[in-house]
PDB file of N, CA and C in Angstrom:
ATOM      1  N   UNK A   1     -40.584 -75.041 134.225  1.00  0.00           N
ATOM      2  CA  UNK A   1     -41.430 -73.880 134.061  1.00  0.00           C
ATOM      3  C   UNK A   1     -41.021 -72.722 134.974  1.00  0.00           C
ATOM      4  N   UNK A   2     -40.795 -72.952 136.272  1.00  0.00           N
ATOM      5  CA  UNK A   2     -40.394 -71.831 137.139  1.00  0.00           C
ATOM      6  C   UNK A   2     -39.066 -71.218 136.723  1.00  0.00           C
ATOM      7  N   UNK A   3     -38.166 -72.040 136.159  1.00  0.00           N
ATOM      8  CA  UNK A   3     -36.871 -71.509 135.737  1.00  0.00           C
ATOM      9  C   UNK A   3     -37.033 -70.537 134.570  1.00  0.00           C
ATOM     10  N   UNK A   4     -37.917 -70.840 133.652  1.00  0.00           N
ATOM     11  CA  UNK A   4     -38.179 -69.947 132.521  1.00  0.00           C
ATOM     12  C   UNK A   4     -38.837 -68.653 132.995  1.00  0.00           C
ATOM     13  N   UNK A   5     -39.699 -68.774 133.998  1.00  0.00           N
ATOM     14  CA  UNK A   5     -40.369 -67.602 134.560  1.00  0.00           C
ATOM     15  C   UNK A   5     -39.341 -66.649 135.172  1.00  0.00           C
ATOM     16  N   UNK A   6     -38.404 -67.194 135.935  1.00  0.00           N
ATOM     17  CA  UNK A   6     -37.350 -66.376 136.550  1.00  0.00           C
ATOM     18  C   UNK A   6     -36.408 -65.798 135.500  1.00  0.00           C
ATOM     19  N   UNK A   7     -36.130 -66.571 134.452  1.00  0.00           N
ATOM     20  CA  UNK A   7     -35.256 -66.072 133.390  1.00  0.00           C
ATOM     21  C   UNK A   7     -35.904 -64.884 132.678  1.00  0.00           C
ATOM     22  N   UNK A   8     -37.208 -64.924 132.482  1.00  0.00           N
ATOM     23  CA  UNK A   8     -37.918 -63.807 131.862  1.00  0.00           C
ATOM     24  C   UNK A   8     -37.841 -62.549 132.706  1.00  0.00           C
ATOM     25  N   UNK A   9     -38.032 -62.706 134.016  1.00  0.00           N
ATOM     26  CA  UNK A   9     -37.928 -61.566 134.917  1.00  0.00           C
ATOM     27  C   UNK A   9     -36.510 -61.006 134.941  1.00  0.00           C
ATOM     28  N   UNK A  10     -35.527 -61.888 134.948  1.00  0.00           N
ATOM     29  CA  UNK A  10     -34.134 -61.446 134.979  1.00  0.00           C
ATOM     30  C   UNK A  10     -33.782 -60.688 133.689  1.00  0.00           C
ATOM     31  N   UNK A  11     -34.260 -61.187 132.552  1.00  0.00           N
ATOM     32  CA  UNK A  11     -33.996 -60.512 131.284  1.00  0.00           C
ATOM     33  C   UNK A  11     -34.658 -59.141 131.258  1.00  0.00           C
ATOM     34  N   UNK A  12     -35.880 -59.054 131.770  1.00  0.00           N
ATOM     35  CA  UNK A  12     -36.583 -57.765 131.807  1.00  0.00           C
ATOM     36  C   UNK A  12     -35.862 -56.771 132.711  1.00  0.00           C
ATOM     37  N   UNK A  13     -35.426 -57.238 133.872  1.00  0.00           N
ATOM     38  CA  UNK A  13     -34.712 -56.363 134.804  1.00  0.00           C
ATOM     39  C   UNK A  13     -33.391 -55.897 134.195  1.00  0.00           C
ATOM     40  N   UNK A  14     -32.698 -56.809 133.495  1.00  0.00           N
ATOM     41  CA  UNK A  14     -31.434 -56.434 132.850  1.00  0.00           C
ATOM     42  C   UNK A  14     -31.639 -55.404 131.745  1.00  0.00           C
ATOM     43  N   UNK A  15     -32.697 -55.571 130.941  1.00  0.00           N
ATOM     44  CA  UNK A  15     -32.991 -54.619 129.879  1.00  0.00           C
ATOM     45  C   UNK A  15     -33.340 -53.252 130.459  1.00  0.00           C
ATOM     46  N   UNK A  16     -34.118 -53.231 131.527  1.00  0.00           N
ATOM     47  CA  UNK A  16     -34.490 -51.972 132.172  1.00  0.00           C
ATOM     48  C   UNK A  16     -33.262 -51.273 132.748  1.00  0.00           C
ATOM     49  N   UNK A  17     -32.381 -52.033 133.402  1.00  0.00           N
ATOM     50  CA  UNK A  17     -31.167 -51.448 133.967  1.00  0.00           C
ATOM     51  C   UNK A  17     -30.276 -50.879 132.864  1.00  0.00           C
ATOM     52  N   UNK A  18     -30.196 -51.568 131.737  1.00  0.00           N
ATOM     53  CA  UNK A  18     -29.397 -51.084 130.618  1.00  0.00           C
ATOM     54  C   UNK A  18     -29.961 -49.779 130.060  1.00  0.00           C
ATOM     55  N   UNK A  19     -31.276 -49.701 129.914  1.00  0.00           N
ATOM     56  CA  UNK A  19     -31.898 -48.465 129.427  1.00  0.00           C
ATOM     57  C   UNK A  19     -31.661 -47.299 130.377  1.00  0.00           C
ATOM     58  N   UNK A  20     -31.771 -47.556 131.659  1.00  0.00           N
ATOM     59  CA  UNK A  20     -31.538 -46.494 132.652  1.00  0.00           C
ATOM     60  C   UNK A  20     -30.099 -46.007 132.573  1.00  0.00           C
ATOM     61  N   UNK A  21     -29.153 -46.926 132.429  1.00  0.00           N
ATOM     62  CA  UNK A  21     -27.749 -46.548 132.323  1.00  0.00           C
ATOM     63  C   UNK A  21     -27.505 -45.705 131.076  1.00  0.00           C
ATOM     64  N   UNK A  22     -28.068 -46.093 129.955  1.00  0.00           N
ATOM     65  CA  UNK A  22     -27.887 -45.340 128.712  1.00  0.00           C
ATOM     66  C   UNK A  22     -28.464 -43.935 128.838  1.00  0.00           C
ATOM     67  N   UNK A  23     -29.655 -43.827 129.421  1.00  0.00           N
ATOM     68  CA  UNK A  23     -30.276 -42.510 129.596  1.00  0.00           C
ATOM     69  C   UNK A  23     -29.429 -41.628 130.498  1.00  0.00           C
ATOM     70  N   UNK A  24     -28.898 -42.188 131.574  1.00  0.00           N
ATOM     71  CA  UNK A  24     -28.059 -41.396 132.476  1.00  0.00           C
ATOM     72  C   UNK A  24     -26.792 -40.934 131.794  1.00  0.00           C
ATOM     73  N   UNK A  25     -26.183 -41.806 131.001  1.00  0.00           N
ATOM     74  CA  UNK A  25     -24.962 -41.418 130.297  1.00  0.00           C
ATOM     75  C   UNK A  25     -25.230 -40.318 129.282  1.00  0.00           C
ATOM     76  N   UNK A  26     -26.372 -40.358 128.622  1.00  0.00           N
ATOM     77  CA  UNK A  26     -26.710 -39.330 127.644  1.00  0.00           C
ATOM     78  C   UNK A  26     -27.020 -37.993 128.296  1.00  0.00           C
ATOM     79  N   UNK A  27     -27.497 -38.023 129.525  1.00  0.00           N
ATOM     80  CA  UNK A  27     -27.891 -36.778 130.185  1.00  0.00           C
ATOM     81  C   UNK A  27     -26.768 -36.142 130.987  1.00  0.00           C
ATOM     82  N   UNK A  28     -25.577 -36.744 131.029  1.00  0.00           N
ATOM     83  CA  UNK A  28     -24.475 -36.177 131.807  1.00  0.00           C
ATOM     84  C   UNK A  28     -24.137 -34.779 131.323  1.00  0.00           C
ATOM     85  N   UNK A  29     -24.123 -34.559 130.011  1.00  0.00           N
ATOM     86  CA  UNK A  29     -23.791 -33.245 129.462  1.00  0.00           C
ATOM     87  C   UNK A  29     -24.840 -32.190 129.738  1.00  0.00           C
ATOM     88  N   UNK A  30     -26.055 -32.596 130.082  1.00  0.00           N
ATOM     89  CA  UNK A  30     -27.128 -31.639 130.324  1.00  0.00           C
ATOM     90  C   UNK A  30     -27.140 -31.099 131.739  1.00  0.00           C
ATOM     91  N   UNK A  31     -26.401 -31.724 132.633  1.00  0.00           N
ATOM     92  CA  UNK A  31     -26.446 -31.304 134.035  1.00  0.00           C
ATOM     93  C   UNK A  31     -25.794 -29.951 134.211  1.00  0.00           C
ATOM     94  N   UNK A  32     -26.443 -29.108 134.989  1.00  0.00           N
ATOM     95  CA  UNK A  32     -25.929 -27.780 135.292  1.00  0.00           C
ATOM     96  C   UNK A  32     -26.227 -27.487 136.753  1.00  0.00           C
ATOM     97  N   UNK A  33     -25.473 -26.534 137.289  1.00  0.00           N
ATOM     98  CA  UNK A  33     -25.757 -26.108 138.648  1.00  0.00           C
ATOM     99  C   UNK A  33     -27.053 -25.321 138.666  1.00  0.00           C
ATOM    100  N   UNK A  34     -27.752 -25.394 139.771  1.00  0.00           N
ATOM    101  CA  UNK A  34     -28.984 -24.640 139.907  1.00  0.00           C
ATOM    102  C   UNK A  34     -30.178 -25.534 140.066  1.00  0.00           C
ATOM    103  N   UNK A  35     -31.284 -24.954 140.431  1.00  0.00           N
ATOM    104  CA  UNK A  35     -32.493 -25.743 140.626  1.00  0.00           C
ATOM    105  C   UNK A  35     -33.013 -26.289 139.307  1.00  0.00           C
ATOM    106  N   UNK A  36     -33.804 -27.365 139.360  1.00  0.00           N
ATOM    107  CA  UNK A  36     -34.348 -27.918 138.122  1.00  0.00           C
ATOM    108  C   UNK A  36     -35.233 -26.899 137.412  1.00  0.00           C
ATOM    109  N   UNK A  37     -35.171 -26.875 136.110  1.00  0.00           N
ATOM    110  CA  UNK A  37     -35.993 -25.962 135.328  1.00  0.00           C
ATOM    111  C   UNK A  37     -35.328 -24.646 135.000  1.00  0.00           C
ATOM    112  N   UNK A  38     -34.183 -24.380 135.609  1.00  0.00           N
ATOM    113  CA  UNK A  38     -33.479 -23.124 135.367  1.00  0.00           C
ATOM    114  C   UNK A  38     -32.235 -23.427 134.551  1.00  0.00           C
ATOM    115  N   UNK A  39     -32.111 -22.782 133.403  1.00  0.00           N
ATOM    116  CA  UNK A  39     -30.897 -22.889 132.590  1.00  0.00           C
ATOM    117  C   UNK A  39     -30.199 -21.552 132.648  1.00  0.00           C
ATOM    118  N   UNK A  40     -28.899 -21.583 132.864  1.00  0.00           N
ATOM    119  CA  UNK A  40     -28.148 -20.339 132.834  1.00  0.00           C
ATOM    120  C   UNK A  40     -27.974 -19.910 131.389  1.00  0.00           C
ATOM    121  N   UNK A  41     -28.153 -18.654 131.148  1.00  0.00           N
ATOM    122  CA  UNK A  41     -28.051 -18.107 129.795  1.00  0.00           C
ATOM    123  C   UNK A  41     -26.589 -17.883 129.443  1.00  0.00           C
ATOM    124  N   UNK A  42     -26.248 -18.158 128.207  1.00  0.00           N
ATOM    125  CA  UNK A  42     -24.891 -17.871 127.748  1.00  0.00           C
ATOM    126  C   UNK A  42     -24.896 -16.510 127.056  1.00  0.00           C
ATOM    127  N   UNK A  43     -23.884 -15.699 127.308  1.00  0.00           N
ATOM    128  CA  UNK A  43     -23.858 -14.348 126.733  1.00  0.00           C
ATOM    129  C   UNK A  43     -23.839 -14.340 125.206  1.00  0.00           C
ATOM    130  N   UNK A  44     -23.318 -15.405 124.573  1.00  0.00           N
ATOM    131  CA  UNK A  44     -23.221 -15.419 123.120  1.00  0.00           C
ATOM    132  C   UNK A  44     -24.590 -15.545 122.452  1.00  0.00           C
ATOM    133  N   UNK A  45     -25.531 -16.239 123.087  1.00  0.00           N
ATOM    134  CA  UNK A  45     -26.827 -16.502 122.459  1.00  0.00           C
ATOM    135  C   UNK A  45     -27.933 -15.593 122.974  1.00  0.00           C
ATOM    136  N   UNK A  46     -27.609 -14.676 123.867  1.00  0.00           N
ATOM    137  CA  UNK A  46     -28.617 -13.815 124.466  1.00  0.00           C
ATOM    138  C   UNK A  46     -28.768 -12.530 123.668  1.00  0.00           C
ATOM    139  N   UNK A  47     -30.002 -12.134 123.338  1.00  0.00           N
ATOM    140  CA  UNK A  47     -30.202 -10.859 122.646  1.00  0.00           C
ATOM    141  C   UNK A  47     -29.752  -9.680 123.523  1.00  0.00           C
ATOM    142  N   UNK A  48     -29.532  -8.550 122.900  1.00  0.00           N
ATOM    143  CA  UNK A  48     -29.069  -7.373 123.626  1.00  0.00           C
ATOM    144  C   UNK A  48     -30.230  -6.709 124.360  1.00  0.00           C
ATOM    145  N   UNK A  49     -30.063  -6.524 125.662  1.00  0.00           N
ATOM    146  CA  UNK A  49     -31.061  -5.842 126.487  1.00  0.00           C
ATOM    147  C   UNK A  49     -30.458  -4.589 127.120  1.00  0.00           C
ATOM    148  N   UNK A  50     -29.491  -3.982 126.467  1.00  0.00           N
ATOM    149  CA  UNK A  50     -28.893  -2.758 126.987  1.00  0.00           C
ATOM    150  C   UNK A  50     -28.054  -3.021 128.217  1.00  0.00           C
ATOM    151  N   UNK A  51     -28.406  -2.388 129.326  1.00  0.00           N
ATOM    152  CA  UNK A  51     -27.660  -2.544 130.572  1.00  0.00           C
ATOM    153  C   UNK A  51     -27.971  -3.858 131.289  1.00  0.00           C
ATOM    154  N   UNK A  52     -28.999  -4.549 130.858  1.00  0.00           N
ATOM    155  CA  UNK A  52     -29.401  -5.774 131.530  1.00  0.00           C
ATOM    156  C   UNK A  52     -28.765  -6.999 130.879  1.00  0.00           C
ATOM    157  N   UNK A  53     -28.492  -8.003 131.704  1.00  0.00           N
ATOM    158  CA  UNK A  53     -27.952  -9.269 131.214  1.00  0.00           C
ATOM    159  C   UNK A  53     -28.881 -10.399 131.611  1.00  0.00           C
ATOM    160  N   UNK A  54     -29.038 -11.343 130.731  1.00  0.00           N
ATOM    161  CA  UNK A  54     -29.893 -12.488 130.990  1.00  0.00           C
ATOM    162  C   UNK A  54     -29.141 -13.487 131.861  1.00  0.00           C
ATOM    163  N   UNK A  55     -29.686 -13.755 133.043  1.00  0.00           N
ATOM    164  CA  UNK A  55     -29.024 -14.664 133.970  1.00  0.00           C
ATOM    165  C   UNK A  55     -29.567 -16.085 133.853  1.00  0.00           C
ATOM    166  N   UNK A  56     -30.797 -16.251 133.353  1.00  0.00           N
ATOM    167  CA  UNK A  56     -31.337 -17.597 133.170  1.00  0.00           C
ATOM    168  C   UNK A  56     -32.453 -17.598 132.138  1.00  0.00           C
ATOM    169  N   UNK A  57     -32.679 -18.776 131.567  1.00  0.00           N
ATOM    170  CA  UNK A  57     -33.763 -19.011 130.615  1.00  0.00           C
ATOM    171  C   UNK A  57     -34.706 -20.025 131.237  1.00  0.00           C
ATOM    172  N   UNK A  58     -35.985 -19.703 131.255  1.00  0.00           N
ATOM    173  CA  UNK A  58     -36.968 -20.578 131.895  1.00  0.00           C
ATOM    174  C   UNK A  58     -38.158 -20.719 130.957  1.00  0.00           C
ATOM    175  N   UNK A  59     -38.673 -21.921 130.845  1.00  0.00           N
ATOM    176  CA  UNK A  59     -39.784 -22.176 129.938  1.00  0.00           C
ATOM    177  C   UNK A  59     -41.147 -21.866 130.514  1.00  0.00           C
ATOM    178  N   UNK A  60     -41.255 -21.667 131.819  1.00  0.00           N
ATOM    179  CA  UNK A  60     -42.543 -21.463 132.477  1.00  0.00           C
ATOM    180  C   UNK A  60     -42.580 -20.072 133.112  1.00  0.00           C
ATOM    181  N   UNK A  61     -43.579 -19.271 132.743  1.00  0.00           N
ATOM    182  CA  UNK A  61     -43.672 -17.896 133.230  1.00  0.00           C
ATOM    183  C   UNK A  61     -43.851 -17.839 134.750  1.00  0.00           C
ATOM    184  N   UNK A  62     -44.680 -18.703 135.308  1.00  0.00           N
ATOM    185  CA  UNK A  62     -44.906 -18.689 136.757  1.00  0.00           C
ATOM    186  C   UNK A  62     -43.622 -19.011 137.510  1.00  0.00           C
ATOM    187  N   UNK A  63     -42.858 -19.986 137.014  1.00  0.00           N
ATOM    188  CA  UNK A  63     -41.593 -20.339 137.663  1.00  0.00           C
ATOM    189  C   UNK A  63     -40.588 -19.202 137.512  1.00  0.00           C
ATOM    190  N   UNK A  64     -40.590 -18.536 136.360  1.00  0.00           N
ATOM    191  CA  UNK A  64     -39.692 -17.399 136.149  1.00  0.00           C
ATOM    192  C   UNK A  64     -40.011 -16.274 137.127  1.00  0.00           C
ATOM    193  N   UNK A  65     -41.299 -16.057 137.380  1.00  0.00           N
ATOM    194  CA  UNK A  65     -41.679 -15.031 138.368  1.00  0.00           C
ATOM    195  C   UNK A  65     -41.173 -15.396 139.756  1.00  0.00           C
ATOM    196  N   UNK A  66     -41.223 -16.685 140.101  1.00  0.00           N
ATOM    197  CA  UNK A  66     -40.697 -17.125 141.398  1.00  0.00           C
ATOM    198  C   UNK A  66     -39.190 -16.882 141.496  1.00  0.00           C
ATOM    199  N   UNK A  67     -38.476 -17.160 140.409  1.00  0.00           N
ATOM    200  CA  UNK A  67     -37.028 -16.930 140.389  1.00  0.00           C
ATOM    201  C   UNK A  67     -36.733 -15.443 140.527  1.00  0.00           C
ATOM    202  N   UNK A  68     -37.465 -14.610 139.774  1.00  0.00           N
ATOM    203  CA  UNK A  68     -37.281 -13.156 139.864  1.00  0.00           C
ATOM    204  C   UNK A  68     -37.554 -12.670 141.288  1.00  0.00           C
ATOM    205  N   UNK A  69     -38.629 -13.151 141.901  1.00  0.00           N
ATOM    206  CA  UNK A  69     -38.968 -12.730 143.264  1.00  0.00           C
ATOM    207  C   UNK A  69     -37.902 -13.170 144.262  1.00  0.00           C
ATOM    208  N   UNK A  70     -37.320 -14.352 144.045  1.00  0.00           N
ATOM    209  CA  UNK A  70     -36.256 -14.810 144.935  1.00  0.00           C
ATOM    210  C   UNK A  70     -35.047 -13.877 144.840  1.00  0.00           C
ATOM    211  N   UNK A  71     -34.705 -13.479 143.631  1.00  0.00           N
ATOM    212  CA  UNK A  71     -33.587 -12.551 143.470  1.00  0.00           C
ATOM    213  C   UNK A  71     -33.898 -11.211 144.123  1.00  0.00           C
ATOM    214  N   UNK A  72     -35.112 -10.721 143.940  1.00  0.00           N
ATOM    215  CA  UNK A  72     -35.494  -9.431 144.541  1.00  0.00           C
ATOM    216  C   UNK A  72     -35.454  -9.491 146.065  1.00  0.00           C
ATOM    217  N   UNK A  73     -35.912 -10.610 146.647  1.00  0.00           N
ATOM    218  CA  UNK A  73     -35.877 -10.746 148.105  1.00  0.00           C
ATOM    219  C   UNK A  73     -34.450 -10.707 148.638  1.00  0.00           C
ATOM    220  N   UNK A  74     -33.489 -11.089 147.804  1.00  0.00           N
ATOM    221  CA  UNK A  74     -32.084 -11.087 148.207  1.00  0.00           C
ATOM    222  C   UNK A  74     -31.343  -9.833 147.744  1.00  0.00           C
ATOM    223  N   UNK A  75     -32.077  -8.818 147.332  1.00  0.00           N
ATOM    224  CA  UNK A  75     -31.485  -7.523 147.027  1.00  0.00           C
ATOM    225  C   UNK A  75     -30.958  -7.357 145.606  1.00  0.00           C
ATOM    226  N   UNK A  76     -31.280  -8.287 144.716  1.00  0.00           N
ATOM    227  CA  UNK A  76     -30.834  -8.178 143.319  1.00  0.00           C
ATOM    228  C   UNK A  76     -31.980  -7.613 142.494  1.00  0.00           C
ATOM    229  N   UNK A  77     -31.710  -6.516 141.765  1.00  0.00           N
ATOM    230  CA  UNK A  77     -32.732  -5.939 140.898  1.00  0.00           C
ATOM    231  C   UNK A  77     -32.916  -6.850 139.689  1.00  0.00           C
ATOM    232  N   UNK A  78     -34.122  -7.358 139.493  1.00  0.00           N
ATOM    233  CA  UNK A  78     -34.373  -8.320 138.415  1.00  0.00           C
ATOM    234  C   UNK A  78     -35.709  -8.039 137.751  1.00  0.00           C
ATOM    235  N   UNK A  79     -35.797  -8.397 136.478  1.00  0.00           N
ATOM    236  CA  UNK A  79     -37.031  -8.270 135.718  1.00  0.00           C
ATOM    237  C   UNK A  79     -37.107  -9.433 134.737  1.00  0.00           C
ATOM    238  N   UNK A  80     -38.210  -9.519 133.997  1.00  0.00           N
ATOM    239  CA  UNK A  80     -38.420 -10.610 133.048  1.00  0.00           C
ATOM    240  C   UNK A  80     -38.606 -10.075 131.635  1.00  0.00           C
ATOM    241  N   UNK A  81     -38.233 -10.899 130.673  1.00  0.00           N
ATOM    242  CA  UNK A  81     -38.476 -10.602 129.256  1.00  0.00           C
ATOM    243  C   UNK A  81     -38.723 -11.925 128.549  1.00  0.00           C
ATOM    244  N   UNK A  82     -39.686 -11.933 127.643  1.00  0.00           N
ATOM    245  CA  UNK A  82     -39.970 -13.130 126.859  1.00  0.00           C
ATOM    246  C   UNK A  82     -39.383 -12.950 125.472  1.00  0.00           C
ATOM    247  N   UNK A  83     -38.586 -13.922 125.046  1.00  0.00           N
ATOM    248  CA  UNK A  83     -37.937 -13.854 123.742  1.00  0.00           C
ATOM    249  C   UNK A  83     -38.815 -14.422 122.647  1.00  0.00           C
ATOM    250  N   UNK A  84     -38.336 -14.330 121.408  1.00  0.00           N
ATOM    251  CA  UNK A  84     -39.060 -14.854 120.256  1.00  0.00           C
ATOM    252  C   UNK A  84     -39.190 -16.365 120.303  1.00  0.00           C
ATOM    253  N   UNK A  85     -38.299 -17.017 121.063  1.00  0.00           N
ATOM    254  CA  UNK A  85     -38.343 -18.471 121.180  1.00  0.00           C
ATOM    255  C   UNK A  85     -39.338 -18.946 122.228  1.00  0.00           C
ATOM    256  N   UNK A  86     -39.994 -18.015 122.914  1.00  0.00           N
ATOM    257  CA  UNK A  86     -40.981 -18.366 123.929  1.00  0.00           C
ATOM    258  C   UNK A  86     -40.390 -18.580 125.313  1.00  0.00           C
ATOM    259  N   UNK A  87     -39.079 -18.535 125.428  1.00  0.00           N
ATOM    260  CA  UNK A  87     -38.426 -18.700 126.717  1.00  0.00           C
ATOM    261  C   UNK A  87     -38.451 -17.385 127.481  1.00  0.00           C
ATOM    262  N   UNK A  88     -38.623 -17.471 128.786  1.00  0.00           N
ATOM    263  CA  UNK A  88     -38.643 -16.286 129.641  1.00  0.00           C
ATOM    264  C   UNK A  88     -37.230 -16.079 130.169  1.00  0.00           C
ATOM    265  N   UNK A  89     -36.718 -14.880 130.004  1.00  0.00           N
ATOM    266  CA  UNK A  89     -35.387 -14.549 130.475  1.00  0.00           C
ATOM    267  C   UNK A  89     -35.495 -13.731 131.755  1.00  0.00           C
ATOM    268  N   UNK A  90     -34.702 -14.116 132.745  1.00  0.00           N
ATOM    269  CA  UNK A  90     -34.595 -13.336 133.972  1.00  0.00           C
ATOM    270  C   UNK A  90     -33.405 -12.411 133.768  1.00  0.00           C
ATOM    271  N   UNK A  91     -33.665 -11.112 133.808  1.00  0.00           N
ATOM    272  CA  UNK A  91     -32.650 -10.106 133.509  1.00  0.00           C
ATOM    273  C   UNK A  91     -32.214  -9.383 134.776  1.00  0.00           C
ATOM    274  N   UNK A  92     -30.915  -9.149 134.886  1.00  0.00           N
ATOM    275  CA  UNK A  92     -30.346  -8.400 136.010  1.00  0.00           C
ATOM    276  C   UNK A  92     -29.328  -7.417 135.449  1.00  0.00           C
ATOM    277  N   UNK A  93     -28.962  -6.413 136.243  1.00  0.00           N
ATOM    278  CA  UNK A  93     -27.927  -5.481 135.835  1.00  0.00           C
ATOM    279  C   UNK A  93     -26.570  -6.190 135.852  1.00  0.00           C
ATOM    280  N   UNK A  94     -25.672  -5.736 135.001  1.00  0.00           N
ATOM    281  CA  UNK A  94     -24.377  -6.406 134.829  1.00  0.00           C
ATOM    282  C   UNK A  94     -23.586  -6.494 136.131  1.00  0.00           C
ATOM    283  N   UNK A  95     -23.669  -5.456 136.968  1.00  0.00           N
ATOM    284  CA  UNK A  95     -22.897  -5.490 138.213  1.00  0.00           C
ATOM    285  C   UNK A  95     -23.474  -6.464 139.242  1.00  0.00           C
ATOM    286  N   UNK A  96     -24.681  -6.956 139.035  1.00  0.00           N
ATOM    287  CA  UNK A  96     -25.296  -7.919 139.951  1.00  0.00           C
ATOM    288  C   UNK A  96     -25.377  -9.331 139.353  1.00  0.00           C
ATOM    289  N   UNK A  97     -24.806  -9.497 138.155  1.00  0.00           N
ATOM    290  CA  UNK A  97     -24.902 -10.764 137.433  1.00  0.00           C
ATOM    291  C   UNK A  97     -24.279 -11.935 138.210  1.00  0.00           C
ATOM    292  N   UNK A  98     -23.058 -11.762 138.699  1.00  0.00           N
ATOM    293  CA  UNK A  98     -22.381 -12.845 139.418  1.00  0.00           C
ATOM    294  C   UNK A  98     -23.124 -13.224 140.693  1.00  0.00           C
ATOM    295  N   UNK A  99     -23.594 -12.227 141.408  1.00  0.00           N
ATOM    296  CA  UNK A  99     -24.345 -12.493 142.646  1.00  0.00           C
ATOM    297  C   UNK A  99     -25.644 -13.240 142.344  1.00  0.00           C
ATOM    298  N   UNK A 100     -26.315 -12.855 141.259  1.00  0.00           N
ATOM    299  CA  UNK A 100     -27.558 -13.527 140.877  1.00  0.00           C
ATOM    300  C   UNK A 100     -27.298 -14.984 140.521  1.00  0.00           C
ATOM    301  N   UNK A 101     -26.219 -15.260 139.804  1.00  0.00           N
ATOM    302  CA  UNK A 101     -25.888 -16.645 139.462  1.00  0.00           C
ATOM    303  C   UNK A 101     -25.608 -17.469 140.703  1.00  0.00           C
ATOM    304  N   UNK A 102     -24.912 -16.870 141.651  1.00  0.00           N
ATOM    305  CA  UNK A 102     -24.638 -17.583 142.904  1.00  0.00           C
ATOM    306  C   UNK A 102     -25.937 -17.896 143.651  1.00  0.00           C
ATOM    307  N   UNK A 103     -26.843 -16.933 143.696  1.00  0.00           N
ATOM    308  CA  UNK A 103     -28.127 -17.166 144.368  1.00  0.00           C
ATOM    309  C   UNK A 103     -28.930 -18.249 143.686  1.00  0.00           C
ATOM    310  N   UNK A 104     -28.912 -18.289 142.365  1.00  0.00           N
ATOM    311  CA  UNK A 104     -29.668 -19.302 141.635  1.00  0.00           C
ATOM    312  C   UNK A 104     -29.042 -20.692 141.735  1.00  0.00           C
ATOM    313  N   UNK A 105     -27.748 -20.735 141.949  1.00  0.00           N
ATOM    314  CA  UNK A 105     -27.064 -22.020 142.048  1.00  0.00           C
ATOM    315  C   UNK A 105     -27.275 -22.678 143.415  1.00  0.00           C
ATOM    316  N   UNK A 106     -27.757 -21.938 144.382  1.00  0.00           N
ATOM    317  CA  UNK A 106     -27.949 -22.495 145.726  1.00  0.00           C
ATOM    318  C   UNK A 106     -29.193 -23.334 145.795  1.00  0.00           C
TER     319      UNK A 106
END
């Protein structure tokens, strides 16, 4: 009886470890530099905002405001725009785009 009990626990632990490994392998492509919750925007999929460029896409307005404020505290002019998809875009001027990405990646 005790041997069957231990075998059940071992099988459960093995199944759990296998699931964790599969999930980690599937999420490797999703990893990006930057804090959690911030996705860097790609220029190909970003709508035109004139002189402004979208530096990140964020699903939460409060978090987007925190990101914008962090950029402003570091001297980067930034604003927010909400797209048709409901995502909040943090917008910066083109000449400050690289600096903003570096700040967000820290």
